[in-house]
C-alpha cells in the first residue's frame, strides 16, 4: 500500500520498520521531510501503524513485505519501494534476528539464517540502493544498524556476533568504494534498547533499572533513531565509514555487564 500525499523531497527505505528502532526511524525521517518505504516480515499491522505515523507528518509511505531469509529475491523489495516512491536517497538496513543458543549446540540452518538476515541481506539491499543512488547522480546515505556486538562478543550469540561484526567491516568497505559517488555509509551500534526484540515494547525506559549500564537504564528506540537521522541528514555530509555506538556506556563495561551485573557496587572504588 502507498499512502497518498504530494511527492517531494528525499526518500528513505527502512527495513524492519514495523516496530522498534525501524518504526522510530521512519517517524523521525518523516518529520525531517522524507517519504518512507517501510518493510515488514511478520507484523503487517505494525507496518500499517508505522505508515499512519509517517502520514501524520504529511509524507508518503509505501509498505512491502520483505523476508531476508529468502535471498537474493528479498532485495527486490528495495527496488520495488524505490519505484513506488520515485527514487531512493537513504537506506537504513535495520531488520535483524539472533539466537540464544550455546555455540556447540547450534544447527547449521540456524547459523545460515542469522547470517542471511543480518549480513547477506544488508549486503544485497545495500547493492540495490547504491546502484540506484549512483544512477541518480546526487549521492546518498546508507546506515547499517549493527549492535554493540559488532564490537564485543556475547555468550549464546555466536551467529549474531559474527554477522554484526561482519556488517561493521562491510560498512567500512562500502564507505571506501562508494565515497566517489557521494554516498556515505555508516553503522549505528545500539546497546540494549526497549523494543519487541528485547521483550520491552512500549516500556518507559526511565523505570527500568540496569546496574551494569553506566546510564543505569535501557535505551529508547527514539534515541537510536536520532543518531540514524543525523547520519541520514545533511549535517553528516563529511561522516563516513564510522560505527556510532549508542549504548549508555555498555561497551565500556564489557559485553555481559548490561544483563549480568545486579548491583551498583562497581561504581565505588
C-alpha atoms as a PDB file:
ATOM      1  CA  UNK A   1       0.000   0.000   0.000  1.00  0.00           C
ATOM      2  CA  UNK A   2       1.058   3.589  -0.576  1.00  0.00           C
ATOM      3  CA  UNK A   3      -0.459   6.483   1.310  1.00  0.00           C
ATOM      4  CA  UNK A   4      -1.441   9.480  -0.794  1.00  0.00           C
ATOM      5  CA  UNK A   5       0.435  12.743  -0.359  1.00  0.00           C
ATOM      6  CA  UNK A   6       2.208  15.103  -2.686  1.00  0.00           C
ATOM      7  CA  UNK A   7       5.631  13.723  -3.684  1.00  0.00           C
ATOM      8  CA  UNK A   8       8.581  15.884  -2.696  1.00  0.00           C
ATOM      9  CA  UNK A   9      11.992  15.822  -1.106  1.00  0.00           C
ATOM     10  CA  UNK A  10      14.031  12.763  -0.352  1.00  0.00           C
ATOM     11  CA  UNK A  11      13.070   9.112   0.020  1.00  0.00           C
ATOM     12  CA  UNK A  12      14.255   6.695   2.701  1.00  0.00           C
ATOM     13  CA  UNK A  13      13.782   2.916   2.721  1.00  0.00           C
ATOM     14  CA  UNK A  14      13.980   1.325   6.162  1.00  0.00           C
ATOM     15  CA  UNK A  15      13.974  -2.439   6.544  1.00  0.00           C
ATOM     16  CA  UNK A  16      12.193  -3.934   9.530  1.00  0.00           C
ATOM     17  CA  UNK A  17      10.261  -0.726  10.177  1.00  0.00           C
ATOM     18  CA  UNK A  18       7.095  -2.344  11.528  1.00  0.00           C
ATOM     19  CA  UNK A  19       8.206  -1.745  15.142  1.00  0.00           C
ATOM     20  CA  UNK A  20      11.053  -0.735  17.424  1.00  0.00           C
ATOM     21  CA  UNK A  21      14.056   1.118  16.055  1.00  0.00           C
ATOM     22  CA  UNK A  22      12.772   0.832  12.481  1.00  0.00           C
ATOM     23  CA  UNK A  23       9.427   2.456  13.280  1.00  0.00           C
ATOM     24  CA  UNK A  24      11.060   5.196  15.360  1.00  0.00           C
ATOM     25  CA  UNK A  25      13.446   5.896  12.481  1.00  0.00           C
ATOM     26  CA  UNK A  26      10.655   6.026   9.923  1.00  0.00           C
ATOM     27  CA  UNK A  27       8.780   8.585  12.006  1.00  0.00           C
ATOM     28  CA  UNK A  28      11.915  10.638  12.664  1.00  0.00           C
ATOM     29  CA  UNK A  29      12.850  10.776   8.970  1.00  0.00           C
ATOM     30  CA  UNK A  30       9.269  11.639   8.010  1.00  0.00           C
ATOM     31  CA  UNK A  31       9.414  14.512  10.494  1.00  0.00           C
ATOM     32  CA  UNK A  32      12.588  15.624   8.683  1.00  0.00           C
ATOM     33  CA  UNK A  33      10.651  15.781   5.403  1.00  0.00           C
ATOM     34  CA  UNK A  34      11.366  12.388   3.836  1.00  0.00           C
ATOM     35  CA  UNK A  35       8.952   9.963   2.219  1.00  0.00           C
ATOM     36  CA  UNK A  36       9.454   6.482   3.632  1.00  0.00           C
ATOM     37  CA  UNK A  37       9.493   2.923   2.305  1.00  0.00           C
ATOM     38  CA  UNK A  38       8.533   0.510   5.088  1.00  0.00           C
ATOM     39  CA  UNK A  39       9.236  -3.228   5.158  1.00  0.00           C
ATOM     40  CA  UNK A  40       7.808  -5.898   7.412  1.00  0.00           C
ATOM     41  CA  UNK A  41       8.318  -9.628   7.811  1.00  0.00           C
ATOM     42  CA  UNK A  42       5.633 -10.955  10.201  1.00  0.00           C
ATOM     43  CA  UNK A  43       3.818  -7.862  11.504  1.00  0.00           C
ATOM     44  CA  UNK A  44       1.758  -6.352   8.703  1.00  0.00           C
ATOM     45  CA  UNK A  45      -0.428  -4.446  11.169  1.00  0.00           C
ATOM     46  CA  UNK A  46       2.671  -2.935  12.752  1.00  0.00           C
ATOM     47  CA  UNK A  47       3.831  -1.748   9.340  1.00  0.00           C
ATOM     48  CA  UNK A  48       0.447  -0.163   8.741  1.00  0.00           C
ATOM     49  CA  UNK A  49       0.739   1.700  12.043  1.00  0.00           C
ATOM     50  CA  UNK A  50       4.168   2.963  11.015  1.00  0.00           C
ATOM     51  CA  UNK A  51       2.710   4.169   7.722  1.00  0.00           C
ATOM     52  CA  UNK A  52      -0.039   6.010   9.593  1.00  0.00           C
ATOM     53  CA  UNK A  53       2.538   7.793  11.734  1.00  0.00           C
ATOM     54  CA  UNK A  54       4.541   8.757   8.648  1.00  0.00           C
ATOM     55  CA  UNK A  55       1.359  10.101   7.084  1.00  0.00           C
ATOM     56  CA  UNK A  56       0.701  12.313  10.105  1.00  0.00           C
ATOM     57  CA  UNK A  57       3.845  14.199   9.152  1.00  0.00           C
ATOM     58  CA  UNK A  58       2.458  14.828   5.679  1.00  0.00           C
ATOM     59  CA  UNK A  59       4.821  12.370   3.992  1.00  0.00           C
ATOM     60  CA  UNK A  60       4.135   9.436   1.684  1.00  0.00           C
ATOM     61  CA  UNK A  61       4.572   5.890   2.966  1.00  0.00           C
ATOM     62  CA  UNK A  62       4.913   2.755   0.837  1.00  0.00           C
ATOM     63  CA  UNK A  63       4.703  -0.639   2.556  1.00  0.00           C
ATOM     64  CA  UNK A  64       6.004  -4.014   1.346  1.00  0.00           C
ATOM     65  CA  UNK A  65       6.782  -7.397   2.847  1.00  0.00           C
ATOM     66  CA  UNK A  66      10.447  -8.437   2.953  1.00  0.00           C
ATOM     67  CA  UNK A  67      11.717 -11.829   4.086  1.00  0.00           C
ATOM     68  CA  UNK A  68      15.509 -11.668   4.303  1.00  0.00           C
ATOM     69  CA  UNK A  69      15.533 -15.418   4.829  1.00  0.00           C
ATOM     70  CA  UNK A  70      14.708 -15.678   1.124  1.00  0.00           C
ATOM     71  CA  UNK A  71      17.735 -14.378  -0.719  1.00  0.00           C
ATOM     72  CA  UNK A  72      18.571 -12.938  -3.155  1.00  0.00           C
ATOM     73  CA  UNK A  73      14.975 -12.176  -4.172  1.00  0.00           C
ATOM     74  CA  UNK A  74      14.192 -10.335  -0.921  1.00  0.00           C
ATOM     75  CA  UNK A  75      16.422  -7.474  -2.066  1.00  0.00           C
ATOM     76  CA  UNK A  76      13.947  -6.855  -4.908  1.00  0.00           C
ATOM     77  CA  UNK A  77      11.850  -5.055  -2.290  1.00  0.00           C
ATOM     78  CA  UNK A  78      14.327  -2.162  -2.226  1.00  0.00           C
ATOM     79  CA  UNK A  79      13.788  -1.615  -5.942  1.00  0.00           C
ATOM     80  CA  UNK A  80      10.031  -2.044  -5.575  1.00  0.00           C
ATOM     81  CA  UNK A  81       9.779   0.649  -2.907  1.00  0.00           C
ATOM     82  CA  UNK A  82      12.131   2.967  -4.790  1.00  0.00           C
ATOM     83  CA  UNK A  83       9.956   2.579  -7.893  1.00  0.00           C
ATOM     84  CA  UNK A  84       6.788   3.317  -5.956  1.00  0.00           C
ATOM     85  CA  UNK A  85       8.258   6.395  -4.268  1.00  0.00           C
ATOM     86  CA  UNK A  86      10.194   7.617  -7.296  1.00  0.00           C
ATOM     87  CA  UNK A  87      13.796   7.330  -6.042  1.00  0.00           C
ATOM     88  CA  UNK A  88      15.928   6.388  -3.025  1.00  0.00           C
ATOM     89  CA  UNK A  89      18.205   8.718  -1.103  1.00  0.00           C
ATOM     90  CA  UNK A  90      18.603   6.846   2.196  1.00  0.00           C
ATOM     91  CA  UNK A  91      18.731   3.136   3.005  1.00  0.00           C
ATOM     92  CA  UNK A  92      18.601   2.010   6.621  1.00  0.00           C
ATOM     93  CA  UNK A  93      19.434  -1.692   6.975  1.00  0.00           C
ATOM     94  CA  UNK A  94      17.633  -2.284  10.265  1.00  0.00           C
ATOM     95  CA  UNK A  95      15.974  -5.725  10.041  1.00  0.00           C
ATOM     96  CA  UNK A  96      17.702  -8.380  12.119  1.00  0.00           C
ATOM     97  CA  UNK A  97      17.430 -11.582  14.095  1.00  0.00           C
ATOM     98  CA  UNK A  98      19.523 -13.648  16.504  1.00  0.00           C
ATOM     99  CA  UNK A  99      19.849 -16.749  18.650  1.00  0.00           C
ATOM    100  CA  UNK A 100      20.323 -17.580  22.316  1.00  0.00           C
ATOM    101  CA  UNK A 101      21.994 -20.948  21.802  1.00  0.00           C
ATOM    102  CA  UNK A 102      25.370 -22.228  23.019  1.00  0.00           C
ATOM    103  CA  UNK A 103      27.994 -22.432  20.281  1.00  0.00           C
ATOM    104  CA  UNK A 104      28.304 -26.234  20.455  1.00  0.00           C
ATOM    105  CA  UNK A 105      24.519 -26.693  20.109  1.00  0.00           C
ATOM    106  CA  UNK A 106      23.955 -24.518  17.052  1.00  0.00           C
ATOM    107  CA  UNK A 107      22.467 -26.107  13.944  1.00  0.00           C
ATOM    108  CA  UNK A 108      23.864 -25.116  10.525  1.00  0.00           C
ATOM    109  CA  UNK A 109      20.470 -23.945   9.264  1.00  0.00           C
ATOM    110  CA  UNK A 110      20.084 -21.596  12.237  1.00  0.00           C
ATOM    111  CA  UNK A 111      23.541 -20.142  11.634  1.00  0.00           C
ATOM    112  CA  UNK A 112      22.836 -19.630   7.934  1.00  0.00           C
ATOM    113  CA  UNK A 113      19.517 -17.935   8.691  1.00  0.00           C
ATOM    114  CA  UNK A 114      21.070 -15.394  11.058  1.00  0.00           C
ATOM    115  CA  UNK A 115      23.904 -14.678   8.632  1.00  0.00           C
ATOM    116  CA  UNK A 116      21.433 -14.220   5.771  1.00  0.00           C
ATOM    117  CA  UNK A 117      19.168 -11.820   7.670  1.00  0.00           C
ATOM    118  CA  UNK A 118      21.888  -9.856   9.485  1.00  0.00           C
ATOM    119  CA  UNK A 119      24.716  -9.789   6.939  1.00  0.00           C
ATOM    120  CA  UNK A 120      23.973 -11.086   3.438  1.00  0.00           C
ATOM    121  CA  UNK A 121      20.593  -9.329   3.338  1.00  0.00           C
ATOM    122  CA  UNK A 122      22.043  -5.904   4.178  1.00  0.00           C
ATOM    123  CA  UNK A 123      24.830  -6.572   1.650  1.00  0.00           C
ATOM    124  CA  UNK A 124      22.330  -7.194  -1.158  1.00  0.00           C
ATOM    125  CA  UNK A 125      19.968  -4.385  -0.131  1.00  0.00           C
ATOM    126  CA  UNK A 126      22.941  -2.057   0.030  1.00  0.00           C
ATOM    127  CA  UNK A 127      23.924  -3.047  -3.503  1.00  0.00           C
ATOM    128  CA  UNK A 128      20.453  -2.307  -4.836  1.00  0.00           C
ATOM    129  CA  UNK A 129      20.287   1.067  -3.113  1.00  0.00           C
ATOM    130  CA  UNK A 130      23.824   2.071  -4.103  1.00  0.00           C
ATOM    131  CA  UNK A 131      23.254   1.229  -7.769  1.00  0.00           C
ATOM    132  CA  UNK A 132      20.175   3.452  -7.829  1.00  0.00           C
ATOM    133  CA  UNK A 133      21.930   6.266  -5.982  1.00  0.00           C
ATOM    134  CA  UNK A 134      24.809   6.119  -8.470  1.00  0.00           C
ATOM    135  CA  UNK A 135      22.369   6.326 -11.399  1.00  0.00           C
ATOM    136  CA  UNK A 136      20.548   9.233  -9.757  1.00  0.00           C
ATOM    137  CA  UNK A 137      23.887  11.032  -9.574  1.00  0.00           C
ATOM    138  CA  UNK A 138      23.381  13.118  -6.437  1.00  0.00           C
ATOM    139  CA  UNK A 139      24.805  10.931  -3.673  1.00  0.00           C
ATOM    140  CA  UNK A 140      23.018   9.221  -0.834  1.00  0.00           C
ATOM    141  CA  UNK A 141      23.201   7.751   2.634  1.00  0.00           C
ATOM    142  CA  UNK A 142      23.359   4.133   3.796  1.00  0.00           C
ATOM    143  CA  UNK A 143      23.110   3.349   7.508  1.00  0.00           C
ATOM    144  CA  UNK A 144      23.641  -0.221   8.730  1.00  0.00           C
ATOM    145  CA  UNK A 145      22.181  -0.944  12.153  1.00  0.00           C
ATOM    146  CA  UNK A 146      24.612  -3.315  13.826  1.00  0.00           C
ATOM    147  CA  UNK A 147      24.850  -3.724  17.614  1.00  0.00           C
ATOM    148  CA  UNK A 148      27.308  -3.303  20.440  1.00  0.00           C
ATOM    149  CA  UNK A 149      28.061  -6.894  19.478  1.00  0.00           C
ATOM    150  CA  UNK A 150      29.679  -5.543  16.338  1.00  0.00           C
ATOM    151  CA  UNK A 151      32.458  -4.668  18.801  1.00  0.00           C
ATOM    152  CA  UNK A 152      32.066  -7.042  21.759  1.00  0.00           C
ATOM    153  CA  UNK A 153      31.060 -10.724  21.981  1.00  0.00           C
ATOM    154  CA  UNK A 154      28.149 -12.193  23.919  1.00  0.00           C
ATOM    155  CA  UNK A 155      27.703 -15.730  25.205  1.00  0.00           C
ATOM    156  CA  UNK A 156      24.981 -17.579  23.302  1.00  0.00           C
ATOM    157  CA  UNK A 157      25.018 -15.215  20.324  1.00  0.00           C
ATOM    158  CA  UNK A 158      27.730 -16.636  18.063  1.00  0.00           C
ATOM    159  CA  UNK A 159      25.948 -16.203  14.687  1.00  0.00           C
ATOM    160  CA  UNK A 160      24.610 -12.780  15.667  1.00  0.00           C
ATOM    161  CA  UNK A 161      28.017 -11.524  16.760  1.00  0.00           C
ATOM    162  CA  UNK A 162      29.666 -12.944  13.638  1.00  0.00           C
ATOM    163  CA  UNK A 163      27.080 -11.280  11.410  1.00  0.00           C
ATOM    164  CA  UNK A 164      27.158  -7.911  13.166  1.00  0.00           C
ATOM    165  CA  UNK A 165      30.948  -7.886  13.242  1.00  0.00           C
ATOM    166  CA  UNK A 166      30.950  -8.665   9.545  1.00  0.00           C
ATOM    167  CA  UNK A 167      28.410  -5.951   8.839  1.00  0.00           C
ATOM    168  CA  UNK A 168      30.606  -3.463  10.661  1.00  0.00           C
ATOM    169  CA  UNK A 169      33.588  -4.221   8.448  1.00  0.00           C
ATOM    170  CA  UNK A 170      31.377  -4.375   5.358  1.00  0.00           C
ATOM    171  CA  UNK A 171      30.256  -0.841   6.255  1.00  0.00           C
ATOM    172  CA  UNK A 172      33.861   0.325   6.077  1.00  0.00           C
ATOM    173  CA  UNK A 173      34.455  -1.265   2.667  1.00  0.00           C
ATOM    174  CA  UNK A 174      31.214   0.203   1.323  1.00  0.00           C
ATOM    175  CA  UNK A 175      32.243   3.628   2.611  1.00  0.00           C
ATOM    176  CA  UNK A 176      35.562   3.452   0.773  1.00  0.00           C
ATOM    177  CA  UNK A 177      34.110   2.239  -2.514  1.00  0.00           C
ATOM    178  CA  UNK A 178      31.027   4.474  -2.609  1.00  0.00           C
ATOM    179  CA  UNK A 179      32.657   7.721  -1.484  1.00  0.00           C
ATOM    180  CA  UNK A 180      33.489   8.788  -5.042  1.00  0.00           C
ATOM    181  CA  UNK A 181      29.754   8.764  -5.777  1.00  0.00           C
ATOM    182  CA  UNK A 182      28.915  10.995  -2.824  1.00  0.00           C
ATOM    183  CA  UNK A 183      27.358   8.113  -0.894  1.00  0.00           C
ATOM    184  CA  UNK A 184      28.234   7.913   2.788  1.00  0.00           C
ATOM    185  CA  UNK A 185      27.988   4.621   4.672  1.00  0.00           C
ATOM    186  CA  UNK A 186      27.973   4.361   8.463  1.00  0.00           C
ATOM    187  CA  UNK A 187      26.967   1.882  11.151  1.00  0.00           C
ATOM    188  CA  UNK A 188      24.907   2.537  14.264  1.00  0.00           C
ATOM    189  CA  UNK A 189      25.600   0.079  17.088  1.00  0.00           C
ATOM    190  CA  UNK A 190      22.823   0.094  19.706  1.00  0.00           C
ATOM    191  CA  UNK A 191      23.071  -1.447  23.144  1.00  0.00           C
ATOM    192  CA  UNK A 192      20.011  -2.782  24.958  1.00  0.00           C
ATOM    193  CA  UNK A 193      17.041  -0.912  23.518  1.00  0.00           C
ATOM    194  CA  UNK A 194      13.434  -1.280  24.688  1.00  0.00           C
ATOM    195  CA  UNK A 195      11.909  -2.940  21.609  1.00  0.00           C
ATOM    196  CA  UNK A 196       9.882  -6.084  20.836  1.00  0.00           C
ATOM    197  CA  UNK A 197      13.183  -7.894  20.104  1.00  0.00           C
ATOM    198  CA  UNK A 198      14.154  -7.468  23.775  1.00  0.00           C
ATOM    199  CA  UNK A 199      10.618  -8.088  25.068  1.00  0.00           C
ATOM    200  CA  UNK A 200      10.152  -4.458  26.113  1.00  0.00           C
ATOM    201  CA  UNK A 201       7.790  -2.902  23.591  1.00  0.00           C
ATOM    202  CA  UNK A 202       6.351   0.414  24.822  1.00  0.00           C
ATOM    203  CA  UNK A 203       8.427   0.244  28.016  1.00  0.00           C
ATOM    204  CA  UNK A 204       9.203   3.501  29.803  1.00  0.00           C
ATOM    205  CA  UNK A 205      12.966   3.125  29.952  1.00  0.00           C
ATOM    206  CA  UNK A 206      13.219   5.574  32.854  1.00  0.00           C
ATOM    207  CA  UNK A 207      11.589   2.981  35.078  1.00  0.00           C
ATOM    208  CA  UNK A 208      13.917   0.122  34.107  1.00  0.00           C
ATOM    209  CA  UNK A 209      16.984  -0.429  36.288  1.00  0.00           C
ATOM    210  CA  UNK A 210      20.191  -1.734  34.688  1.00  0.00           C
ATOM    211  CA  UNK A 211      23.076  -1.594  37.191  1.00  0.00           C
ATOM    212  CA  UNK A 212      25.544  -2.871  34.600  1.00  0.00           C
ATOM    213  CA  UNK A 213      24.928   0.033  32.210  1.00  0.00           C
ATOM    214  CA  UNK A 214      26.600   3.296  33.279  1.00  0.00           C
ATOM    215  CA  UNK A 215      23.483   5.344  32.444  1.00  0.00           C
ATOM    216  CA  UNK A 216      21.500   2.832  34.504  1.00  0.00           C
ATOM    217  CA  UNK A 217      18.718   2.013  32.022  1.00  0.00           C
ATOM    218  CA  UNK A 218      17.988   0.579  28.573  1.00  0.00           C
ATOM    219  CA  UNK A 219      17.771   2.921  25.614  1.00  0.00           C
ATOM    220  CA  UNK A 220      14.628   4.149  23.910  1.00  0.00           C
ATOM    221  CA  UNK A 221      14.216   3.402  20.200  1.00  0.00           C
ATOM    222  CA  UNK A 222      13.811   7.112  19.534  1.00  0.00           C
ATOM    223  CA  UNK A 223      17.293   7.726  20.910  1.00  0.00           C
ATOM    224  CA  UNK A 224      18.728   5.401  18.259  1.00  0.00           C
ATOM    225  CA  UNK A 225      16.524   6.934  15.579  1.00  0.00           C
ATOM    226  CA  UNK A 226      18.028  10.333  16.396  1.00  0.00           C
ATOM    227  CA  UNK A 227      21.539   9.032  15.641  1.00  0.00           C
ATOM    228  CA  UNK A 228      20.368   7.411  12.408  1.00  0.00           C
ATOM    229  CA  UNK A 229      18.592  10.612  11.388  1.00  0.00           C
ATOM    230  CA  UNK A 230      21.779  12.602  11.907  1.00  0.00           C
ATOM    231  CA  UNK A 231      23.739  10.215   9.694  1.00  0.00           C
ATOM    232  CA  UNK A 232      20.969  10.297   7.080  1.00  0.00           C
ATOM    233  CA  UNK A 233      20.839  14.083   7.009  1.00  0.00           C
ATOM    234  CA  UNK A 234      22.843  16.981   5.588  1.00  0.00           C
ATOM    235  CA  UNK A 235      24.787  17.673   8.793  1.00  0.00           C
ATOM    236  CA  UNK A 236      26.636  14.346   8.395  1.00  0.00           C
ATOM    237  CA  UNK A 237      27.898  15.028   4.880  1.00  0.00           C
ATOM    238  CA  UNK A 238      31.553  14.531   5.928  1.00  0.00           C
ATOM    239  CA  UNK A 239      30.955  11.431   8.066  1.00  0.00           C
ATOM    240  CA  UNK A 240      31.559   8.016   6.528  1.00  0.00           C
ATOM    241  CA  UNK A 241      32.984   4.620   7.442  1.00  0.00           C
ATOM    242  CA  UNK A 242      32.305   5.062  11.163  1.00  0.00           C
ATOM    243  CA  UNK A 243      30.469   2.969  13.745  1.00  0.00           C
ATOM    244  CA  UNK A 244      28.367   5.067  16.104  1.00  0.00           C
ATOM    245  CA  UNK A 245      27.887   3.240  19.397  1.00  0.00           C
ATOM    246  CA  UNK A 246      24.717   4.284  21.256  1.00  0.00           C
ATOM    247  CA  UNK A 247      24.603   2.075  24.327  1.00  0.00           C
ATOM    248  CA  UNK A 248      24.505   4.114  27.527  1.00  0.00           C
ATOM    249  CA  UNK A 249      28.144   3.181  28.095  1.00  0.00           C
ATOM    250  CA  UNK A 250      27.574  -0.596  27.990  1.00  0.00           C
ATOM    251  CA  UNK A 251      30.612  -1.404  25.847  1.00  0.00           C
ATOM    252  CA  UNK A 252      32.887   0.355  28.313  1.00  0.00           C
ATOM    253  CA  UNK A 253      31.735  -2.201  30.913  1.00  0.00           C
ATOM    254  CA  UNK A 254      32.255  -5.350  28.871  1.00  0.00           C
ATOM    255  CA  UNK A 255      29.847  -7.443  26.816  1.00  0.00           C
ATOM    256  CA  UNK A 256      27.951  -9.182  29.628  1.00  0.00           C
ATOM    257  CA  UNK A 257      27.645  -6.329  32.111  1.00  0.00           C
ATOM    258  CA  UNK A 258      24.307  -4.955  30.983  1.00  0.00           C
ATOM    259  CA  UNK A 259      22.412  -8.124  31.792  1.00  0.00           C
ATOM    260  CA  UNK A 260      24.671  -9.795  34.355  1.00  0.00           C
ATOM    261  CA  UNK A 261      25.518  -7.107  36.915  1.00  0.00           C
ATOM    262  CA  UNK A 262      22.814  -6.753  39.553  1.00  0.00           C
ATOM    263  CA  UNK A 263      24.220  -4.070  41.838  1.00  0.00           C
ATOM    264  CA  UNK A 264      25.901  -0.689  41.631  1.00  0.00           C
ATOM    265  CA  UNK A 265      28.948  -1.781  43.647  1.00  0.00           C
ATOM    266  CA  UNK A 266      31.177  -1.293  40.598  1.00  0.00           C
ATOM    267  CA  UNK A 267      30.540   2.467  40.803  1.00  0.00           C
ATOM    268  CA  UNK A 268      32.512   2.755  44.056  1.00  0.00           C
ATOM    269  CA  UNK A 269      36.342   2.422  44.126  1.00  0.00           C
END
